[in-house]
Protein backbone atom coordinates (compact mmCIF):
# COMPACT_ATOMS: atom_id res chain seq x y z
CA MET A 1 -134.86 -177.27 -30.98
CA LEU A 2 -136.32 -176.24 -27.48
CA ALA A 3 -134.49 -177.03 -24.47
CA GLY A 4 -136.54 -177.42 -21.42
CA ARG A 5 -138.38 -174.07 -20.80
CA GLY A 6 -136.04 -171.98 -22.89
CA TRP A 7 -135.58 -171.53 -26.60
CA ALA A 8 -132.15 -172.85 -26.97
CA ALA A 9 -129.96 -175.34 -25.27
CA PRO A 10 -127.73 -173.62 -22.67
CA ASP A 11 -124.72 -175.65 -23.64
CA ARG A 12 -124.88 -173.94 -26.96
CA ILE A 13 -125.27 -170.36 -26.06
CA VAL A 14 -122.33 -167.93 -25.94
CA SER A 15 -122.80 -164.20 -24.88
CA ARG A 16 -120.33 -161.45 -25.69
CA GLY A 17 -120.03 -157.72 -24.94
CA LEU A 18 -117.53 -154.76 -24.48
CA SER A 19 -117.29 -152.14 -21.69
CA ALA A 20 -120.85 -151.47 -20.60
CA GLY A 21 -121.73 -154.60 -22.65
CA GLY A 22 -119.02 -156.26 -20.65
CA LEU A 23 -120.78 -155.36 -17.54
CA LEU A 24 -123.94 -156.88 -18.93
CA GLN A 25 -121.93 -160.15 -19.67
CA GLY A 26 -120.69 -160.19 -16.00
CA ALA A 27 -124.08 -159.67 -14.72
CA VAL A 28 -125.66 -162.55 -16.82
CA PHE A 29 -122.58 -164.64 -15.98
CA SER A 30 -123.26 -164.00 -12.27
CA MET A 31 -127.08 -164.08 -12.24
CA ALA A 32 -127.74 -166.99 -14.47
CA PRO A 33 -124.55 -169.02 -14.93
CA ARG A 34 -126.22 -172.15 -16.04
CA ARG A 35 -127.93 -170.57 -19.03
CA TRP A 36 -124.66 -170.08 -20.90
CA ARG A 37 -122.03 -172.30 -22.36
CA ALA A 38 -119.52 -169.38 -22.52
CA VAL A 39 -119.32 -165.73 -21.87
CA VAL A 40 -116.85 -163.21 -23.36
CA ALA A 41 -116.60 -160.03 -21.29
CA GLU A 42 -114.31 -157.48 -23.18
CA VAL A 43 -112.91 -154.67 -21.05
CA PRO A 44 -115.82 -155.17 -18.60
CA PHE A 45 -116.90 -152.44 -16.22
CA VAL A 46 -117.44 -155.11 -13.39
CA ASP A 47 -116.76 -153.24 -10.25
CA CYS A 48 -119.11 -150.43 -10.93
CA VAL A 49 -119.84 -149.47 -7.28
CA THR A 50 -116.02 -148.97 -6.35
CA THR A 51 -115.30 -147.28 -9.64
CA MET A 52 -118.30 -144.90 -9.43
CA LEU A 53 -117.40 -143.98 -5.82
CA ASP A 54 -113.95 -142.67 -6.85
CA PRO A 55 -114.31 -139.17 -8.47
CA GLY A 56 -110.62 -139.14 -9.35
CA ILE A 57 -111.10 -141.74 -11.95
CA PRO A 58 -111.53 -140.35 -15.48
CA LEU A 59 -115.17 -140.03 -16.50
CA THR A 60 -116.62 -141.12 -13.24
CA VAL A 61 -118.22 -137.68 -12.18
CA SER A 62 -119.55 -137.14 -15.77
CA GLU A 63 -121.11 -140.68 -15.75
CA TRP A 64 -123.10 -140.20 -12.58
CA ASP A 65 -126.01 -138.90 -14.72
CA GLU A 66 -126.05 -142.08 -16.71
CA TRP A 67 -125.08 -144.75 -14.07
CA GLY A 68 -126.15 -143.12 -10.76
CA ASP A 69 -124.16 -141.87 -7.85
CA PRO A 70 -123.59 -144.62 -5.38
CA ARG A 71 -123.13 -142.16 -2.67
CA ASP A 72 -126.97 -142.26 -2.61
CA SER A 73 -127.67 -145.37 -0.49
CA ARG A 74 -130.69 -146.52 -2.70
CA ILE A 75 -128.56 -146.24 -5.95
CA ARG A 76 -125.61 -147.97 -4.28
CA ALA A 77 -128.00 -150.87 -3.29
CA TYR A 78 -129.22 -151.14 -6.77
CA MET A 79 -125.65 -151.10 -8.28
CA GLU A 80 -124.52 -153.78 -5.78
CA SER A 81 -127.59 -155.96 -6.94
CA TYR A 82 -126.09 -156.39 -10.36
CA SER A 83 -122.39 -155.63 -10.01
CA PRO A 84 -120.43 -158.73 -11.02
CA TYR A 85 -117.61 -158.12 -8.67
CA ASP A 86 -120.10 -158.07 -5.78
CA ASN A 87 -122.11 -161.11 -6.94
CA VAL A 88 -119.91 -164.12 -7.55
CA PRO A 89 -121.95 -167.05 -8.73
CA ALA A 90 -122.04 -170.28 -6.72
CA GLY A 91 -121.92 -173.69 -8.30
CA PRO A 92 -120.98 -174.55 -11.89
CA ARG A 93 -120.01 -171.72 -14.08
CA PRO A 94 -119.82 -171.24 -17.81
CA ASP A 95 -116.44 -170.76 -19.64
CA LEU A 96 -115.31 -167.20 -19.37
CA LEU A 97 -112.91 -165.04 -21.32
CA VAL A 98 -112.12 -161.66 -19.89
CA THR A 99 -110.14 -158.96 -21.67
CA GLY A 100 -108.46 -155.80 -20.34
CA SER A 101 -106.26 -153.03 -21.78
CA LEU A 102 -103.25 -151.52 -19.89
CA HIS A 103 -103.79 -148.26 -21.73
CA ASP A 104 -107.60 -147.89 -21.49
CA PRO A 105 -108.73 -144.71 -19.75
CA ARG A 106 -112.34 -145.82 -19.59
CA VAL A 107 -112.06 -149.11 -17.89
CA LEU A 108 -108.87 -149.45 -15.96
CA ILE A 109 -107.13 -152.71 -16.44
CA HIS A 110 -107.14 -153.44 -12.53
CA GLU A 111 -110.96 -153.76 -12.85
CA PRO A 112 -111.34 -156.87 -14.95
CA ALA A 113 -108.07 -158.32 -13.39
CA LYS A 114 -109.44 -158.12 -9.91
CA TRP A 115 -112.75 -159.62 -11.04
CA VAL A 116 -110.84 -162.55 -12.50
CA ALA A 117 -108.79 -162.98 -9.30
CA MET A 118 -112.05 -162.98 -7.29
CA LEU A 119 -113.53 -165.62 -9.55
CA ARG A 120 -110.47 -167.77 -9.31
CA ALA A 121 -110.29 -167.40 -5.55
CA THR A 122 -113.96 -168.55 -5.34
CA GLY A 123 -113.45 -171.79 -7.31
CA GLY A 124 -113.90 -170.33 -10.78
CA THR A 125 -111.49 -172.73 -12.41
CA GLY A 126 -111.06 -176.46 -12.73
CA GLY A 127 -113.27 -177.99 -15.33
CA ARG A 128 -116.08 -177.24 -17.71
CA SER A 129 -119.52 -176.40 -16.50
CA ASP A 130 -121.02 -179.41 -18.26
CA GLY A 131 -120.62 -181.83 -15.38
CA ASP A 132 -116.96 -182.98 -15.47
CA GLY A 133 -116.78 -182.34 -11.67
CA GLY A 134 -115.18 -178.92 -11.61
CA THR A 135 -116.76 -175.85 -9.92
CA GLY A 136 -116.50 -173.68 -12.85
CA GLY A 137 -115.59 -173.47 -16.49
CA ARG A 138 -112.40 -172.30 -18.13
CA LEU A 139 -111.43 -168.80 -16.80
CA LEU A 140 -109.09 -166.85 -19.07
CA PHE A 141 -107.80 -163.36 -18.86
CA ARG A 142 -106.32 -161.73 -21.88
CA PRO A 143 -104.68 -158.38 -21.08
CA GLU A 144 -103.69 -156.08 -23.80
CA LEU A 145 -100.29 -154.64 -22.97
CA GLY A 146 -99.47 -152.95 -26.28
CA ALA A 147 -100.57 -149.77 -27.83
CA GLY A 148 -104.27 -150.76 -28.00
CA ALA A 149 -106.84 -149.19 -25.72
CA HIS A 150 -110.65 -149.70 -25.11
CA VAL A 151 -111.53 -151.64 -28.12
CA GLY A 152 -108.54 -153.92 -28.28
CA PRO A 153 -105.09 -153.92 -29.98
CA ALA A 154 -104.03 -151.25 -32.37
CA GLY A 155 -103.27 -152.12 -35.92
CA ARG A 156 -105.12 -154.23 -38.29
CA TYR A 157 -103.20 -157.59 -37.97
CA ASP A 158 -103.05 -157.31 -34.14
CA ARG A 159 -106.82 -156.60 -33.99
CA LEU A 160 -107.47 -159.58 -36.36
CA ARG A 161 -105.20 -161.93 -34.28
CA CYS A 162 -107.12 -160.88 -31.10
CA GLU A 163 -110.57 -161.45 -32.82
CA ALA A 164 -109.33 -164.81 -33.95
CA GLU A 165 -108.31 -165.76 -30.25
CA ILE A 166 -111.74 -164.83 -29.17
CA VAL A 167 -113.59 -166.64 -31.97
CA SER A 168 -111.27 -169.69 -31.20
CA PHE A 169 -112.35 -169.46 -27.50
CA ILE A 170 -116.03 -169.45 -28.57
CA ALA A 171 -115.62 -172.29 -31.05
CA ASN A 172 -113.70 -174.44 -28.57
CA ALA A 173 -116.45 -173.80 -25.86
CA VAL A 174 -119.32 -175.00 -27.92
CA ALA A 175 -117.34 -177.99 -29.58
């Protein structure tokens, strides 16, 4: 079924990604919030400009070849154009589940946490994006405080429990 000009109804689409894929989820959440029913951003690299400006953070200097060095004003402007932290969407927003991990050396937990705080401070809670009067969909933050790191909890059963929570979030969003 085609919906409007698109291929699928926006109230049925959920997008999910981890790390750099989480950055992609944050970017699509910010750039086109009405095209998604829900977004799952796992350990998202969402404040790329600030992170890439700090050479003391693990991996930053070695990642300049891939991401660009924001000390160059042209590269910084480009990074700011897609950085989820720097581009908070106005109006209705889809449901959003963000994860972070206390022991992640790649995406430090403060990065997704401060993005969630910014979204909450700008009206990112209070209703669903399908017209119930709220300014945004559900906004959940799931910090992993245990032994897990970049890809979620350690241990088979903890990993399965985490995956079940994410799938439940997705199922509830499209229900």
